[in-house]
Amino acid sequence: MTSAPLSHNLAWFRSSYSTEQGGNCVEVAATPTAIHVRDSKVPHGPRLTLSPGAWSAFTAFARTAA
C-alpha cells in the first residue's frame, strides 16, 4: 500500500453536472499513479484511492449503466 498525498496537494474537481447548491456530489483528484475520490460535503473526511485501471473500469461501467 502506498501513502496518498495530503488533500491540500491535490487538484479536486466535481462533475460539470454538479451544482453549487450542494447535493450528493463526489470530487475526484488524479495523480499519475492514483485516482482519489471523496465526498464533497466532507472534504477532510475519508477518501477512496483507486488505480487508474480500476477507475477506468468503473467509469466505463457507469457510462453503460446510466
PDB file of N, CA and C in Angstrom:
ATOM      1  N   MET A   1       0.847  -1.178   0.000  1.00  0.00           N
ATOM      2  CA  MET A   1       0.000   0.000   0.000  1.00  0.00           C
ATOM      3  C   MET A   1       0.889   1.237   0.000  1.00  0.00           C
ATOM      4  N   THR A   2       0.538   2.204  -0.807  1.00  0.00           N
ATOM      5  CA  THR A   2       1.303   3.443  -0.853  1.00  0.00           C
ATOM      6  C   THR A   2       0.582   4.512  -0.059  1.00  0.00           C
ATOM      7  N   SER A   3       1.338   5.458   0.433  1.00  0.00           N
ATOM      8  CA  SER A   3       0.701   6.555   1.146  1.00  0.00           C
ATOM      9  C   SER A   3       0.217   7.588   0.135  1.00  0.00           C
ATOM     10  N   ALA A   4      -0.980   8.084   0.346  1.00  0.00           N
ATOM     11  CA  ALA A   4      -1.574   9.061  -0.566  1.00  0.00           C
ATOM     12  C   ALA A   4      -1.130  10.462  -0.181  1.00  0.00           C
ATOM     13  N   PRO A   5      -1.011  11.356  -1.144  1.00  0.00           N
ATOM     14  CA  PRO A   5      -0.661  12.737  -0.830  1.00  0.00           C
ATOM     15  C   PRO A   5      -1.751  13.397   0.004  1.00  0.00           C
ATOM     16  N   LEU A   6      -1.380  14.417   0.720  1.00  0.00           N
ATOM     17  CA  LEU A   6      -2.365  15.156   1.505  1.00  0.00           C
ATOM     18  C   LEU A   6      -3.371  15.823   0.576  1.00  0.00           C
ATOM     19  N   SER A   7      -4.589  15.989   1.069  1.00  0.00           N
ATOM     20  CA  SER A   7      -5.660  16.557   0.249  1.00  0.00           C
ATOM     21  C   SER A   7      -5.328  17.937  -0.284  1.00  0.00           C
ATOM     22  N   HIS A   8      -4.581  18.750   0.476  1.00  0.00           N
ATOM     23  CA  HIS A   8      -4.312  20.104   0.004  1.00  0.00           C
ATOM     24  C   HIS A   8      -3.314  20.128  -1.156  1.00  0.00           C
ATOM     25  N   ASN A   9      -2.654  19.011  -1.426  1.00  0.00           N
ATOM     26  CA  ASN A   9      -1.732  18.939  -2.555  1.00  0.00           C
ATOM     27  C   ASN A   9      -2.402  18.452  -3.831  1.00  0.00           C
ATOM     28  N   LEU A  10      -3.667  18.098  -3.753  1.00  0.00           N
ATOM     29  CA  LEU A  10      -4.383  17.548  -4.894  1.00  0.00           C
ATOM     30  C   LEU A  10      -5.307  18.595  -5.504  1.00  0.00           C
ATOM     31  N   ALA A  11      -5.505  18.501  -6.804  1.00  0.00           N
ATOM     32  CA  ALA A  11      -6.440  19.395  -7.510  1.00  0.00           C
ATOM     33  C   ALA A  11      -7.775  18.651  -7.640  1.00  0.00           C
ATOM     34  N   TRP A  12      -8.704  18.938  -6.737  1.00  0.00           N
ATOM     35  CA  TRP A  12     -10.005  18.267  -6.713  1.00  0.00           C
ATOM     36  C   TRP A  12     -10.960  18.938  -7.681  1.00  0.00           C
ATOM     37  N   PHE A  13     -11.810  18.139  -8.316  1.00  0.00           N
ATOM     38  CA  PHE A  13     -12.832  18.714  -9.193  1.00  0.00           C
ATOM     39  C   PHE A  13     -14.116  17.912  -9.080  1.00  0.00           C
ATOM     40  N   ARG A  14     -15.219  18.559  -9.456  1.00  0.00           N
ATOM     41  CA  ARG A  14     -16.541  17.931  -9.482  1.00  0.00           C
ATOM     42  C   ARG A  14     -17.017  17.836 -10.913  1.00  0.00           C
ATOM     43  N   SER A  15     -17.984  17.001 -11.106  1.00  0.00           N
ATOM     44  CA  SER A  15     -18.610  16.875 -12.420  1.00  0.00           C
ATOM     45  C   SER A  15     -19.264  18.189 -12.818  1.00  0.00           C
ATOM     46  N   SER A  16     -19.303  18.456 -14.103  1.00  0.00           N
ATOM     47  CA  SER A  16     -19.999  19.648 -14.582  1.00  0.00           C
ATOM     48  C   SER A  16     -21.502  19.540 -14.353  1.00  0.00           C
ATOM     49  N   TYR A  17     -21.998  18.355 -14.020  1.00  0.00           N
ATOM     50  CA  TYR A  17     -23.407  18.164 -13.705  1.00  0.00           C
ATOM     51  C   TYR A  17     -23.735  18.583 -12.281  1.00  0.00           C
ATOM     52  N   SER A  18     -22.731  18.804 -11.436  1.00  0.00           N
ATOM     53  CA  SER A  18     -22.941  19.233 -10.052  1.00  0.00           C
ATOM     54  C   SER A  18     -23.312  20.706 -10.018  1.00  0.00           C
ATOM     55  N   THR A  19     -24.054  21.085  -9.005  1.00  0.00           N
ATOM     56  CA  THR A  19     -24.441  22.485  -8.843  1.00  0.00           C
ATOM     57  C   THR A  19     -23.829  23.040  -7.574  1.00  0.00           C
ATOM     58  N   GLU A  20     -23.841  24.338  -7.443  1.00  0.00           N
ATOM     59  CA  GLU A  20     -23.319  24.994  -6.240  1.00  0.00           C
ATOM     60  C   GLU A  20     -24.267  24.877  -5.052  1.00  0.00           C
ATOM     61  N   GLN A  21     -25.488  24.380  -5.267  1.00  0.00           N
ATOM     62  CA  GLN A  21     -26.445  24.239  -4.182  1.00  0.00           C
ATOM     63  C   GLN A  21     -26.156  23.023  -3.307  1.00  0.00           C
ATOM     64  N   GLY A  22     -25.142  22.287  -3.606  1.00  0.00           N
ATOM     65  CA  GLY A  22     -24.800  21.129  -2.788  1.00  0.00           C
ATOM     66  C   GLY A  22     -25.358  19.862  -3.383  1.00  0.00           C
ATOM     67  N   GLY A  23     -25.973  19.064  -2.546  1.00  0.00           N
ATOM     68  CA  GLY A  23     -26.491  17.790  -3.022  1.00  0.00           C
ATOM     69  C   GLY A  23     -25.484  16.683  -2.797  1.00  0.00           C
ATOM     70  N   ASN A  24     -25.719  15.578  -3.442  1.00  0.00           N
ATOM     71  CA  ASN A  24     -24.857  14.411  -3.292  1.00  0.00           C
ATOM     72  C   ASN A  24     -23.817  14.410  -4.397  1.00  0.00           C
ATOM     73  N   CYS A  25     -22.642  14.920  -4.102  1.00  0.00           N
ATOM     74  CA  CYS A  25     -21.574  15.017  -5.099  1.00  0.00           C
ATOM     75  C   CYS A  25     -20.322  14.327  -4.590  1.00  0.00           C
ATOM     76  N   VAL A  26     -19.546  13.853  -5.514  1.00  0.00           N
ATOM     77  CA  VAL A  26     -18.207  13.389  -5.191  1.00  0.00           C
ATOM     78  C   VAL A  26     -17.219  14.285  -5.913  1.00  0.00           C
ATOM     79  N   GLU A  27     -16.027  14.355  -5.379  1.00  0.00           N
ATOM     80  CA  GLU A  27     -14.938  15.098  -6.008  1.00  0.00           C
ATOM     81  C   GLU A  27     -13.841  14.102  -6.333  1.00  0.00           C
ATOM     82  N   VAL A  28     -13.122  14.379  -7.402  1.00  0.00           N
ATOM     83  CA  VAL A  28     -12.083  13.482  -7.883  1.00  0.00           C
ATOM     84  C   VAL A  28     -10.791  14.270  -8.075  1.00  0.00           C
ATOM     85  N   ALA A  29      -9.674  13.648  -7.715  1.00  0.00           N
ATOM     86  CA  ALA A  29      -8.347  14.221  -7.962  1.00  0.00           C
ATOM     87  C   ALA A  29      -7.476  13.119  -8.543  1.00  0.00           C
ATOM     88  N   ALA A  30      -6.832  13.415  -9.648  1.00  0.00           N
ATOM     89  CA  ALA A  30      -5.998  12.414 -10.330  1.00  0.00           C
ATOM     90  C   ALA A  30      -4.526  12.734 -10.152  1.00  0.00           C
ATOM     91  N   THR A  31      -3.741  11.696  -9.934  1.00  0.00           N
ATOM     92  CA  THR A  31      -2.284  11.774  -9.951  1.00  0.00           C
ATOM     93  C   THR A  31      -1.820  10.731 -10.972  1.00  0.00           C
ATOM     94  N   PRO A  32      -0.562  10.714 -11.317  1.00  0.00           N
ATOM     95  CA  PRO A  32      -0.105   9.716 -12.301  1.00  0.00           C
ATOM     96  C   PRO A  32      -0.322   8.267 -11.851  1.00  0.00           C
ATOM     97  N   THR A  33      -0.350   8.021 -10.557  1.00  0.00           N
ATOM     98  CA  THR A  33      -0.444   6.642 -10.068  1.00  0.00           C
ATOM     99  C   THR A  33      -1.745   6.301  -9.359  1.00  0.00           C
ATOM    100  N   ALA A  34      -2.628   7.283  -9.130  1.00  0.00           N
ATOM    101  CA  ALA A  34      -3.846   7.010  -8.370  1.00  0.00           C
ATOM    102  C   ALA A  34      -4.939   8.021  -8.689  1.00  0.00           C
ATOM    103  N   ILE A  35      -6.184   7.576  -8.505  1.00  0.00           N
ATOM    104  CA  ILE A  35      -7.348   8.443  -8.603  1.00  0.00           C
ATOM    105  C   ILE A  35      -7.968   8.480  -7.211  1.00  0.00           C
ATOM    106  N   HIS A  36      -8.144   9.672  -6.670  1.00  0.00           N
ATOM    107  CA  HIS A  36      -8.691   9.850  -5.331  1.00  0.00           C
ATOM    108  C   HIS A  36     -10.124  10.355  -5.456  1.00  0.00           C
ATOM    109  N   VAL A  37     -11.022   9.791  -4.639  1.00  0.00           N
ATOM    110  CA  VAL A  37     -12.435  10.155  -4.669  1.00  0.00           C
ATOM    111  C   VAL A  37     -12.857  10.473  -3.237  1.00  0.00           C
ATOM    112  N   ARG A  38     -13.598  11.582  -3.066  1.00  0.00           N
ATOM    113  CA  ARG A  38     -14.071  11.955  -1.731  1.00  0.00           C
ATOM    114  C   ARG A  38     -15.478  12.535  -1.823  1.00  0.00           C
ATOM    115  N   ASP A  39     -16.146  12.612  -0.689  1.00  0.00           N
ATOM    116  CA  ASP A  39     -17.472  13.218  -0.570  1.00  0.00           C
ATOM    117  C   ASP A  39     -17.294  14.730  -0.524  1.00  0.00           C
ATOM    118  N   SER A  40     -17.965  15.440  -1.401  1.00  0.00           N
ATOM    119  CA  SER A  40     -17.801  16.896  -1.448  1.00  0.00           C
ATOM    120  C   SER A  40     -18.282  17.578  -0.177  1.00  0.00           C
ATOM    121  N   LYS A  41     -19.190  16.935   0.555  1.00  0.00           N
ATOM    122  CA  LYS A  41     -19.705  17.535   1.787  1.00  0.00           C
ATOM    123  C   LYS A  41     -18.751  17.335   2.967  1.00  0.00           C
ATOM    124  N   VAL A  42     -17.792  16.413   2.828  1.00  0.00           N
ATOM    125  CA  VAL A  42     -16.835  16.116   3.901  1.00  0.00           C
ATOM    126  C   VAL A  42     -15.434  16.084   3.297  1.00  0.00           C
ATOM    127  N   PRO A  43     -14.927  17.240   2.855  1.00  0.00           N
ATOM    128  CA  PRO A  43     -13.652  17.241   2.129  1.00  0.00           C
ATOM    129  C   PRO A  43     -12.448  16.770   2.939  1.00  0.00           C
ATOM    130  N   HIS A  44     -12.519  16.838   4.259  1.00  0.00           N
ATOM    131  CA  HIS A  44     -11.391  16.385   5.070  1.00  0.00           C
ATOM    132  C   HIS A  44     -11.642  15.004   5.656  1.00  0.00           C
ATOM    133  N   GLY A  45     -12.701  14.352   5.202  1.00  0.00           N
ATOM    134  CA  GLY A  45     -13.032  13.008   5.663  1.00  0.00           C
ATOM    135  C   GLY A  45     -12.297  11.952   4.864  1.00  0.00           C
ATOM    136  N   PRO A  46     -12.761  10.726   4.987  1.00  0.00           N
ATOM    137  CA  PRO A  46     -12.088   9.632   4.279  1.00  0.00           C
ATOM    138  C   PRO A  46     -12.227   9.761   2.768  1.00  0.00           C
ATOM    139  N   ARG A  47     -11.330   9.115   2.076  1.00  0.00           N
ATOM    140  CA  ARG A  47     -11.399   9.103   0.618  1.00  0.00           C
ATOM    141  C   ARG A  47     -11.025   7.720   0.113  1.00  0.00           C
ATOM    142  N   LEU A  48     -11.468   7.451  -1.078  1.00  0.00           N
ATOM    143  CA  LEU A  48     -11.190   6.191  -1.752  1.00  0.00           C
ATOM    144  C   LEU A  48     -10.073   6.449  -2.753  1.00  0.00           C
ATOM    145  N   THR A  49      -9.083   5.579  -2.777  1.00  0.00           N
ATOM    146  CA  THR A  49      -7.978   5.712  -3.720  1.00  0.00           C
ATOM    147  C   THR A  49      -7.962   4.486  -4.622  1.00  0.00           C
ATOM    148  N   LEU A  50      -8.036   4.742  -5.922  1.00  0.00           N
ATOM    149  CA  LEU A  50      -8.101   3.673  -6.912  1.00  0.00           C
ATOM    150  C   LEU A  50      -6.922   3.757  -7.876  1.00  0.00           C
ATOM    151  N   SER A  51      -6.577   2.620  -8.454  1.00  0.00           N
ATOM    152  CA  SER A  51      -5.582   2.638  -9.519  1.00  0.00           C
ATOM    153  C   SER A  51      -6.234   3.237 -10.760  1.00  0.00           C
ATOM    154  N   PRO A  52      -5.464   3.796 -11.667  1.00  0.00           N
ATOM    155  CA  PRO A  52      -6.059   4.318 -12.903  1.00  0.00           C
ATOM    156  C   PRO A  52      -6.854   3.257 -13.667  1.00  0.00           C
ATOM    157  N   GLY A  53      -6.403   2.013 -13.667  1.00  0.00           N
ATOM    158  CA  GLY A  53      -7.128   0.943 -14.345  1.00  0.00           C
ATOM    159  C   GLY A  53      -8.478   0.663 -13.711  1.00  0.00           C
ATOM    160  N   ALA A  54      -8.524   0.647 -12.368  1.00  0.00           N
ATOM    161  CA  ALA A  54      -9.791   0.422 -11.663  1.00  0.00           C
ATOM    162  C   ALA A  54     -10.749   1.581 -11.904  1.00  0.00           C
ATOM    163  N   TRP A  55     -10.240   2.812 -11.910  1.00  0.00           N
ATOM    164  CA  TRP A  55     -11.087   3.977 -12.181  1.00  0.00           C
ATOM    165  C   TRP A  55     -11.648   3.916 -13.600  1.00  0.00           C
ATOM    166  N   SER A  56     -10.829   3.547 -14.543  1.00  0.00           N
ATOM    167  CA  SER A  56     -11.260   3.435 -15.929  1.00  0.00           C
ATOM    168  C   SER A  56     -12.361   2.392 -16.074  1.00  0.00           C
ATOM    169  N   ALA A  57     -12.205   1.249 -15.424  1.00  0.00           N
ATOM    170  CA  ALA A  57     -13.232   0.207 -15.474  1.00  0.00           C
ATOM    171  C   ALA A  57     -14.523   0.688 -14.830  1.00  0.00           C
ATOM    172  N   PHE A  58     -14.411   1.383 -13.696  1.00  0.00           N
ATOM    173  CA  PHE A  58     -15.605   1.913 -13.021  1.00  0.00           C
ATOM    174  C   PHE A  58     -16.351   2.921 -13.900  1.00  0.00           C
ATOM    175  N   THR A  59     -15.624   3.872 -14.479  1.00  0.00           N
ATOM    176  CA  THR A  59     -16.296   4.888 -15.288  1.00  0.00           C
ATOM    177  C   THR A  59     -16.892   4.280 -16.556  1.00  0.00           C
ATOM    178  N   ALA A  60     -16.241   3.281 -17.130  1.00  0.00           N
ATOM    179  CA  ALA A  60     -16.801   2.606 -18.308  1.00  0.00           C
ATOM    180  C   ALA A  60     -18.109   1.898 -17.922  1.00  0.00           C
ATOM    181  N   PHE A  61     -18.133   1.252 -16.775  1.00  0.00           N
ATOM    182  CA  PHE A  61     -19.353   0.606 -16.313  1.00  0.00           C
ATOM    183  C   PHE A  61     -20.438   1.630 -16.019  1.00  0.00           C
ATOM    184  N   ALA A  62     -20.070   2.725 -15.378  1.00  0.00           N
ATOM    185  CA  ALA A  62     -21.066   3.762 -15.034  1.00  0.00           C
ATOM    186  C   ALA A  62     -21.697   4.357 -16.291  1.00  0.00           C
ATOM    187  N   ARG A  63     -20.931   4.520 -17.349  1.00  0.00           N
ATOM    188  CA  ARG A  63     -21.490   5.044 -18.600  1.00  0.00           C
ATOM    189  C   ARG A  63     -22.521   4.093 -19.186  1.00  0.00           C
ATOM    190  N   THR A  64     -22.297   2.795 -19.084  1.00  0.00           N
ATOM    191  CA  THR A  64     -23.239   1.824 -19.654  1.00  0.00           C
ATOM    192  C   THR A  64     -24.451   1.607 -18.759  1.00  0.00           C
ATOM    193  N   ALA A  65     -24.310   1.857 -17.458  1.00  0.00           N
ATOM    194  CA  ALA A  65     -25.405   1.626 -16.508  1.00  0.00           C
ATOM    195  C   ALA A  65     -26.333   2.829 -16.396  1.00  0.00           C
ATOM    196  N   ALA A  66     -25.937   3.968 -16.933  1.00  0.00           N
ATOM    197  CA  ALA A  66     -26.738   5.184 -16.767  1.00  0.00           C
ATOM    198  C   ALA A  66     -27.959   5.207 -17.609  1.00  0.00           C
TER     199      ALA A  66
END
